Structures are given as structure tokens and as C-alpha cells.
Amino acid sequence: MTLAQDQKAIAQDFFKPTVREEDRLNGHPFVPSPTFGLPLLTEPPYWLEAEVRHLYPGGDHSLVVAEVVEAGVRSEAKPLVMWDTGWFYGG
């Protein structure tokens, strides 16, 4: 899923442990994804499902190679990118 530039608050809601309440995750609505039936948030403009093909361990991280099996566009929107958030990832 890709959040829109104005959806920073959704990202912030997932900085804490995820809580499922009926059809919501951390207060955000979701539906089952078409291929695997996993929770798919309905607010982001872009989404995808991918199937893991390879997992390469590397220190305290892993590299995941996956094949996109389904994708969709709900609306056209400029994506939220890290440098627009004021957040920094230390790895």
C-alpha cells in the first residue's frame, strides 16, 4: 500500500502495536485482500499484494524478493515519501 501525501497520520497510527477491532486496524477500515484474504486498508490510494519468492538474511535485516500478484488504484494521489514527513530512519 502507498499512503497519499496527506495521510501521514495513518502512518503514525501504526507506530504503535496493531489492534484489530472488527473491520478496523488501529482505527482504520480494512477489507480482505483479493488473493490472500489479508487485511487491506481502504484509505490509501494505491495497494498491492505480493507473494514472497526469496528471503535473504543479512545481519539484523533480511532482503525479501516478492512477486506482485495483485494491485489496484483507488484514486490518483501524490505519494507520502519519507523526506516530506520530517522522520528519519536509522536502519
Protein backbone atom coordinates (compact mmCIF):
# COMPACT_ATOMS: atom_id res chain seq x y z
CA MET A 1 0.00 0.00 0.00
CA THR A 2 1.11 3.55 -0.63
CA LEU A 3 -0.19 6.37 1.50
CA ALA A 4 -1.07 9.72 -0.05
CA GLN A 5 0.98 12.80 0.84
CA ASP A 6 -1.79 14.00 3.19
CA GLN A 7 -2.08 10.65 5.05
CA LYS A 8 0.89 10.98 7.43
CA ALA A 9 -1.48 10.48 10.39
CA ILE A 10 -2.33 6.97 9.16
CA ALA A 11 1.36 6.06 9.20
CA GLN A 12 1.69 7.46 12.72
CA ASP A 13 -1.19 5.28 13.88
CA PHE A 14 0.94 2.22 13.06
CA PHE A 15 3.96 3.31 15.12
CA LYS A 16 2.27 1.51 17.99
CA PRO A 17 1.16 -2.13 18.30
CA THR A 18 -1.60 -3.06 15.88
CA VAL A 19 -5.04 -3.52 17.38
CA ARG A 20 -7.84 -5.18 15.40
CA GLU A 21 -11.39 -4.17 16.24
CA GLU A 22 -13.88 -5.86 13.91
CA ASP A 23 -13.11 -4.40 10.46
CA ARG A 24 -10.54 -1.84 11.64
CA LEU A 25 -6.81 -1.87 12.32
CA ASN A 26 -5.69 0.89 14.68
CA GLY A 27 -8.93 2.67 13.86
CA HIS A 28 -8.62 2.40 10.05
CA PRO A 29 -11.07 0.38 7.94
CA PHE A 30 -9.89 -2.66 6.02
CA VAL A 31 -11.27 -5.34 3.72
CA PRO A 32 -9.88 -8.78 2.91
CA SER A 33 -7.33 -8.63 0.09
CA PRO A 34 -8.47 -10.38 -3.12
CA THR A 35 -5.74 -13.03 -3.36
CA PHE A 36 -4.73 -13.97 0.17
CA GLY A 37 -7.57 -12.51 2.27
CA LEU A 38 -5.17 -10.40 4.36
CA PRO A 39 -6.23 -7.06 5.87
CA LEU A 40 -6.07 -4.37 3.17
CA LEU A 41 -6.58 -0.80 4.39
CA THR A 42 -9.23 1.01 2.34
CA GLU A 43 -7.97 4.59 2.76
CA PRO A 44 -4.65 4.51 0.84
CA PRO A 45 -4.94 5.36 -2.86
CA TYR A 46 -2.65 2.53 -4.04
CA TRP A 47 -2.34 -1.05 -2.87
CA LEU A 48 -0.71 -4.34 -3.82
CA GLU A 49 -0.38 -7.94 -2.77
CA ALA A 50 2.86 -9.82 -3.21
CA GLU A 51 3.99 -13.38 -2.74
CA VAL A 52 7.41 -13.92 -1.17
CA ARG A 53 9.76 -15.74 -3.57
CA HIS A 54 13.09 -15.49 -1.74
CA LEU A 55 14.29 -14.37 1.67
CA TYR A 56 17.96 -13.46 2.05
CA PRO A 57 19.15 -12.99 5.66
CA GLY A 58 21.67 -10.23 6.20
CA GLY A 59 22.70 -9.30 9.72
CA ASP A 60 19.80 -7.78 11.62
CA HIS A 61 17.74 -7.33 8.41
CA SER A 62 16.57 -9.56 5.60
CA LEU A 63 16.11 -8.83 1.91
CA VAL A 64 12.73 -10.00 0.66
CA VAL A 65 12.17 -10.67 -3.05
CA ALA A 66 8.48 -10.88 -3.84
CA GLU A 67 6.25 -11.13 -6.90
CA VAL A 68 3.33 -8.72 -7.14
CA VAL A 69 0.21 -10.83 -7.76
CA GLU A 70 -2.49 -8.15 -7.48
CA ALA A 71 -2.53 -4.34 -7.41
CA GLY A 72 -5.02 -1.51 -7.60
CA VAL A 73 -5.53 2.23 -7.75
CA ARG A 74 -8.43 3.74 -5.81
CA SER A 75 -7.57 7.34 -6.68
CA GLU A 76 -4.70 9.33 -8.14
CA ALA A 77 -2.65 10.98 -5.40
CA LYS A 78 0.86 12.18 -4.75
CA PRO A 79 2.56 9.56 -2.52
CA LEU A 80 3.78 10.17 1.00
CA VAL A 81 7.57 9.97 0.96
CA MET A 82 9.87 9.97 3.98
CA TRP A 83 11.59 13.30 3.28
CA ASP A 84 8.17 15.03 3.39
CA THR A 85 7.41 13.65 6.87
CA GLY A 86 10.29 15.01 8.93
CA TRP A 87 11.05 11.45 10.06
CA PHE A 88 14.41 9.78 9.67
CA TYR A 89 15.16 6.07 9.52
CA GLY A 90 18.31 4.98 11.30
CA GLY A 91 18.24 1.46 9.99
